[in-house]
Amino acid sequence: MQKVVLVKSYFIPTGKEVTKKIPTGETKKGLLGGTKDVYRKEAQWEQTGYSDCIIDSERLAIDLQQTIESLSRDGFLVKSITPVTSGDYSYKFQSQGVSSSKRILSETEKVSGGASFGYGYGYSYTDSLIVLAEKKFNK
């Protein structure tokens, strides 16, 4: 008996360093005789989202290890691990007519002369892993 397990990969969290005021638990006297809390500034990392192109390889390795251990406990022997590759892209293109004065062109007018520019890129990443396992038979 064979079993196929899909181990999904995830993108790494992205974020930034933010400075936060952390109370120290101390108080000090204010100018008019009152008391106020004492704070210290501390830089902390704050998650803002997820990458759109970098896989969290540490998490993928942990998830794969857990899958292999689970299959082994259930009496399966891993035969192969195959990566599933996916991809994404982005582009920008603009076309501009060259003229000495600004004017609005209708859809039927043709631009004589002009310039265009653009860029594009694509990349691939490991979307997931397919683990193929086979049941061990005791003789």
Protein backbone atom coordinates (compact mmCIF):
# COMPACT_ATOMS: atom_id res chain seq x y z
CA MET A 1 0.00 0.00 0.00
CA GLN A 2 1.29 3.47 -0.88
CA LYS A 3 0.48 6.87 0.58
CA VAL A 4 1.02 10.39 -0.78
CA VAL A 5 1.31 13.35 1.60
CA LEU A 6 1.48 17.02 0.57
CA VAL A 7 3.68 19.19 2.81
CA LYS A 8 2.78 22.82 2.13
CA SER A 9 5.43 25.55 2.32
CA TYR A 10 4.78 29.03 3.68
CA PHE A 11 6.32 32.43 3.04
CA ILE A 12 8.47 34.08 5.71
CA PRO A 13 6.95 36.82 7.85
CA THR A 14 8.08 40.35 7.01
CA GLY A 15 8.23 43.26 9.38
CA LYS A 16 10.14 46.21 10.69
CA GLU A 17 11.81 47.48 13.84
CA VAL A 18 9.60 49.80 15.86
CA THR A 19 10.48 51.70 19.01
CA LYS A 20 8.08 51.18 21.89
CA LYS A 21 7.86 52.73 25.34
CA ILE A 22 8.08 50.02 27.98
CA PRO A 23 7.12 50.86 31.61
CA THR A 24 9.94 50.15 34.07
CA GLY A 25 7.65 49.96 37.10
CA GLU A 26 9.34 52.98 38.63
CA THR A 27 7.85 56.42 39.19
CA LYS A 28 9.41 59.83 39.53
CA LYS A 29 8.21 63.14 40.89
CA GLY A 30 6.97 65.60 38.34
CA LEU A 31 7.58 69.33 38.19
CA LEU A 32 4.37 70.17 40.09
CA GLY A 33 4.84 67.50 42.78
CA GLY A 34 2.85 64.70 41.14
CA THR A 35 4.26 61.33 40.15
CA LYS A 36 4.55 59.86 36.73
CA ASP A 37 5.65 56.48 35.38
CA VAL A 38 9.17 55.99 34.05
CA TYR A 39 9.47 54.42 30.59
CA ARG A 40 12.39 53.06 28.62
CA LYS A 41 12.54 52.87 24.85
CA GLU A 42 13.04 49.46 23.31
CA ALA A 43 13.32 48.45 19.65
CA GLN A 44 11.05 45.50 18.86
CA TRP A 45 10.39 43.64 15.64
CA GLU A 46 6.77 43.90 14.48
CA GLN A 47 5.30 41.69 11.77
CA THR A 48 3.61 43.59 8.95
CA GLY A 49 2.84 40.77 6.54
CA TYR A 50 4.42 37.93 4.59
CA SER A 51 6.99 37.84 1.80
CA ASP A 52 5.68 37.19 -1.70
CA CYS A 53 8.80 35.34 -2.85
CA ILE A 54 10.89 33.92 0.04
CA ILE A 55 9.92 30.57 1.52
CA ASP A 56 10.27 29.89 5.25
CA SER A 57 12.71 27.00 4.77
CA GLU A 58 13.13 26.38 8.51
CA ARG A 59 9.39 25.84 8.93
CA LEU A 60 9.30 23.64 5.80
CA ALA A 61 12.09 21.45 7.22
CA ILE A 62 10.22 21.09 10.54
CA ASP A 63 6.94 20.25 8.76
CA LEU A 64 8.73 17.67 6.58
CA GLN A 65 10.40 16.09 9.63
CA GLN A 66 7.02 15.81 11.40
CA THR A 67 5.47 14.22 8.30
CA ILE A 68 8.27 11.64 8.01
CA GLU A 69 8.03 10.78 11.72
CA SER A 70 4.23 10.41 11.47
CA LEU A 71 4.52 8.12 8.45
CA SER A 72 7.17 6.04 10.21
CA ARG A 73 4.95 5.63 13.31
CA ASP A 74 2.15 4.42 11.03
CA GLY A 75 4.44 1.78 9.49
CA PHE A 76 5.35 3.58 6.25
CA LEU A 77 8.77 3.95 4.65
CA VAL A 78 9.43 7.13 2.66
CA LYS A 79 10.31 6.30 -0.96
CA SER A 80 10.65 9.80 -2.44
CA ILE A 81 10.25 13.50 -1.75
CA THR A 82 9.45 15.69 -4.77
CA PRO A 83 9.35 19.50 -4.71
CA VAL A 84 6.42 21.24 -6.38
CA THR A 85 7.56 24.50 -7.94
CA SER A 86 5.28 27.47 -8.50
CA GLY A 87 5.99 30.97 -9.72
CA ASP A 88 4.92 34.56 -9.87
CA TYR A 89 5.68 37.64 -11.96
CA SER A 90 5.21 41.36 -12.21
CA TYR A 91 5.56 43.88 -15.01
CA LYS A 92 5.00 47.49 -15.91
CA PHE A 93 4.67 48.96 -19.39
CA GLN A 94 3.98 52.49 -20.51
CA SER A 95 3.71 53.98 -23.96
CA GLN A 96 3.98 57.71 -24.48
CA GLY A 97 3.58 59.85 -27.56
CA VAL A 98 6.32 62.41 -28.22
CA SER A 99 4.97 65.89 -28.85
CA SER A 100 5.96 69.50 -28.26
CA SER A 101 2.62 70.29 -26.60
CA LYS A 102 0.26 68.39 -24.37
CA ARG A 103 -2.91 67.20 -26.05
CA ILE A 104 -5.47 64.51 -25.47
CA LEU A 105 -5.65 61.88 -28.21
CA SER A 106 -8.86 60.13 -29.05
CA GLU A 107 -8.91 56.36 -29.47
CA THR A 108 -9.08 56.72 -33.27
CA GLU A 109 -6.04 59.00 -33.51
CA LYS A 110 -2.74 57.34 -34.09
CA VAL A 111 0.42 58.48 -32.39
CA SER A 112 3.20 59.17 -34.83
CA GLY A 113 6.49 58.75 -33.07
CA GLY A 114 6.69 58.07 -29.42
CA ALA A 115 8.45 56.15 -26.76
CA SER A 116 7.66 53.18 -24.62
CA PHE A 117 9.36 51.52 -21.73
CA GLY A 118 8.75 48.74 -19.34
CA TYR A 119 10.18 46.02 -17.23
CA GLY A 120 9.16 42.58 -16.15
CA TYR A 121 10.46 39.81 -13.98
CA GLY A 122 9.46 36.37 -12.88
CA TYR A 123 10.61 33.98 -10.22
CA SER A 124 9.87 30.52 -8.94
CA TYR A 125 9.62 29.08 -5.44
CA THR A 126 8.98 25.72 -3.79
CA ASP A 127 5.23 25.67 -3.26
CA SER A 128 5.15 22.33 -1.45
CA LEU A 129 6.70 18.88 -1.18
CA ILE A 130 5.07 15.61 -2.20
CA VAL A 131 6.11 12.71 0.02
CA LEU A 132 5.54 9.21 -1.37
CA ALA A 133 5.63 6.44 1.22
CA GLU A 134 5.07 2.70 1.11
CA LYS A 135 3.67 0.49 3.86
CA LYS A 136 6.26 -1.84 5.44
CA PHE A 137 5.20 -5.47 5.43
CA ASN A 138 6.41 -7.74 8.22
CA LYS A 139 7.22 -11.24 7.09
